């Protein structure tokens, strides 16, 4: 909770998405309740999830882009070799 006496600072704090609530305590004093702005990602399951997502993206790229293009190129080469050997 932050105590604010300046109107400009009050407008700045209330426009943030981390605002939870505000309460007028006195004519020139307002209490502003805010959520934490930083998220600490130091747990093991966070790292495991990041690795799993990156692995999924890499497999998707390999099988849906690299492999398709190499298969098309290899079929094209087989057709060329077939026609030139006839």
C-alpha atoms as a PDB file:
ATOM      1  CA  UNK A   1       0.000   0.000   0.000  1.00  0.00           C
ATOM      2  CA  UNK A   2       1.323   3.414  -0.971  1.00  0.00           C
ATOM      3  CA  UNK A   3       0.262   6.694   0.587  1.00  0.00           C
ATOM      4  CA  UNK A   4      -0.042   9.509  -1.958  1.00  0.00           C
ATOM      5  CA  UNK A   5      -0.480  13.237  -1.399  1.00  0.00           C
ATOM      6  CA  UNK A   6       0.245  14.483  -4.932  1.00  0.00           C
ATOM      7  CA  UNK A   7      -2.583  14.429  -7.500  1.00  0.00           C
ATOM      8  CA  UNK A   8      -0.192  13.787 -10.404  1.00  0.00           C
ATOM      9  CA  UNK A   9       1.330  10.767  -8.634  1.00  0.00           C
ATOM     10  CA  UNK A  10      -2.184   9.510  -7.792  1.00  0.00           C
ATOM     11  CA  UNK A  11      -3.215   9.658 -11.466  1.00  0.00           C
ATOM     12  CA  UNK A  12      -0.018   7.846 -12.417  1.00  0.00           C
ATOM     13  CA  UNK A  13      -0.581   5.027  -9.908  1.00  0.00           C
ATOM     14  CA  UNK A  14      -4.289   4.571 -10.636  1.00  0.00           C
ATOM     15  CA  UNK A  15      -3.667   4.261 -14.364  1.00  0.00           C
ATOM     16  CA  UNK A  16      -1.369   1.249 -13.903  1.00  0.00           C
ATOM     17  CA  UNK A  17      -2.809  -2.251 -14.483  1.00  0.00           C
ATOM     18  CA  UNK A  18      -1.442  -3.402 -11.113  1.00  0.00           C
ATOM     19  CA  UNK A  19      -3.982  -1.292  -9.202  1.00  0.00           C
ATOM     20  CA  UNK A  20      -6.098  -3.285  -6.755  1.00  0.00           C
ATOM     21  CA  UNK A  21      -7.955  -0.564  -4.864  1.00  0.00           C
ATOM     22  CA  UNK A  22      -7.675   2.961  -3.524  1.00  0.00           C
ATOM     23  CA  UNK A  23      -9.144   4.624  -0.467  1.00  0.00           C
ATOM     24  CA  UNK A  24      -9.392   8.283   0.494  1.00  0.00           C
ATOM     25  CA  UNK A  25      -7.987   8.598   3.999  1.00  0.00           C
ATOM     26  CA  UNK A  26      -7.964  12.375   4.385  1.00  0.00           C
ATOM     27  CA  UNK A  27      -8.563  15.463   2.250  1.00  0.00           C
ATOM     28  CA  UNK A  28      -4.958  15.380   0.969  1.00  0.00           C
ATOM     29  CA  UNK A  29      -4.080  11.721   1.577  1.00  0.00           C
ATOM     30  CA  UNK A  30      -5.044   8.672  -0.484  1.00  0.00           C
ATOM     31  CA  UNK A  31      -4.007   5.072   0.114  1.00  0.00           C
ATOM     32  CA  UNK A  32      -3.377   3.077  -3.081  1.00  0.00           C
ATOM     33  CA  UNK A  33      -3.163  -0.724  -2.945  1.00  0.00           C
ATOM     34  CA  UNK A  34      -1.065  -2.243  -5.752  1.00  0.00           C
ATOM     35  CA  UNK A  35      -0.121  -5.792  -6.831  1.00  0.00           C
ATOM     36  CA  UNK A  36       3.518  -6.764  -7.222  1.00  0.00           C
ATOM     37  CA  UNK A  37       4.958  -5.674 -10.567  1.00  0.00           C
ATOM     38  CA  UNK A  38       7.640  -8.336 -10.804  1.00  0.00           C
ATOM     39  CA  UNK A  39       7.060 -12.044 -11.098  1.00  0.00           C
ATOM     40  CA  UNK A  40       9.784 -14.294  -9.749  1.00  0.00           C
ATOM     41  CA  UNK A  41      10.313 -17.354 -11.950  1.00  0.00           C
ATOM     42  CA  UNK A  42      12.713 -19.435  -9.905  1.00  0.00           C
ATOM     43  CA  UNK A  43      10.815 -22.697  -9.529  1.00  0.00           C
ATOM     44  CA  UNK A  44      11.848 -25.936 -11.245  1.00  0.00           C
ATOM     45  CA  UNK A  45       8.533 -26.420 -13.052  1.00  0.00           C
ATOM     46  CA  UNK A  46       8.902 -23.015 -14.757  1.00  0.00           C
ATOM     47  CA  UNK A  47      12.204 -24.047 -16.321  1.00  0.00           C
ATOM     48  CA  UNK A  48      10.754 -27.421 -17.272  1.00  0.00           C
ATOM     49  CA  UNK A  49       7.792 -25.735 -18.997  1.00  0.00           C
ATOM     50  CA  UNK A  50      10.080 -23.370 -20.923  1.00  0.00           C
ATOM     51  CA  UNK A  51      12.221 -26.290 -22.112  1.00  0.00           C
ATOM     52  CA  UNK A  52       9.132 -28.268 -23.093  1.00  0.00           C
ATOM     53  CA  UNK A  53       7.725 -25.363 -25.125  1.00  0.00           C
ATOM     54  CA  UNK A  54      11.037 -24.768 -26.899  1.00  0.00           C
ATOM     55  CA  UNK A  55      11.327 -28.489 -27.694  1.00  0.00           C
ATOM     56  CA  UNK A  56       7.805 -28.494 -29.130  1.00  0.00           C
ATOM     57  CA  UNK A  57       8.594 -25.486 -31.332  1.00  0.00           C
ATOM     58  CA  UNK A  58      11.812 -27.100 -32.577  1.00  0.00           C
ATOM     59  CA  UNK A  59      10.075 -30.383 -33.428  1.00  0.00           C
ATOM     60  CA  UNK A  60       7.276 -28.517 -35.180  1.00  0.00           C
ATOM     61  CA  UNK A  61       9.770 -26.550 -37.276  1.00  0.00           C
ATOM     62  CA  UNK A  62      11.788 -29.667 -38.127  1.00  0.00           C
ATOM     63  CA  UNK A  63       8.911 -31.929 -39.128  1.00  0.00           C
ATOM     64  CA  UNK A  64       6.628 -29.343 -40.766  1.00  0.00           C
ATOM     65  CA  UNK A  65       9.219 -27.245 -42.617  1.00  0.00           C
ATOM     66  CA  UNK A  66      12.636 -28.873 -42.947  1.00  0.00           C
ATOM     67  CA  UNK A  67      11.415 -32.411 -43.498  1.00  0.00           C
ATOM     68  CA  UNK A  68       8.697 -31.445 -46.014  1.00  0.00           C
ATOM     69  CA  UNK A  69      11.120 -29.422 -48.118  1.00  0.00           C
ATOM     70  CA  UNK A  70      13.785 -32.115 -48.105  1.00  0.00           C
ATOM     71  CA  UNK A  71      11.233 -34.774 -49.070  1.00  0.00           C
ATOM     72  CA  UNK A  72      10.041 -32.665 -52.007  1.00  0.00           C
ATOM     73  CA  UNK A  73      13.644 -32.073 -53.092  1.00  0.00           C
ATOM     74  CA  UNK A  74      14.528 -35.769 -52.806  1.00  0.00           C
ATOM     75  CA  UNK A  75      11.456 -36.805 -54.859  1.00  0.00           C
ATOM     76  CA  UNK A  76      12.409 -34.249 -57.492  1.00  0.00           C
ATOM     77  CA  UNK A  77      15.954 -35.644 -57.635  1.00  0.00           C
ATOM     78  CA  UNK A  78      14.641 -39.207 -57.966  1.00  0.00           C
ATOM     79  CA  UNK A  79      12.446 -38.172 -60.902  1.00  0.00           C
ATOM     80  CA  UNK A  80      15.398 -36.416 -62.578  1.00  0.00           C
ATOM     81  CA  UNK A  81      17.650 -39.441 -62.101  1.00  0.00           C
ATOM     82  CA  UNK A  82      14.925 -41.721 -63.478  1.00  0.00           C
ATOM     83  CA  UNK A  83      14.468 -39.643 -66.638  1.00  0.00           C
ATOM     84  CA  UNK A  84      18.198 -39.245 -67.296  1.00  0.00           C
ATOM     85  CA  UNK A  85      18.925 -42.937 -66.908  1.00  0.00           C
ATOM     86  CA  UNK A  86      16.253 -44.012 -69.388  1.00  0.00           C
END
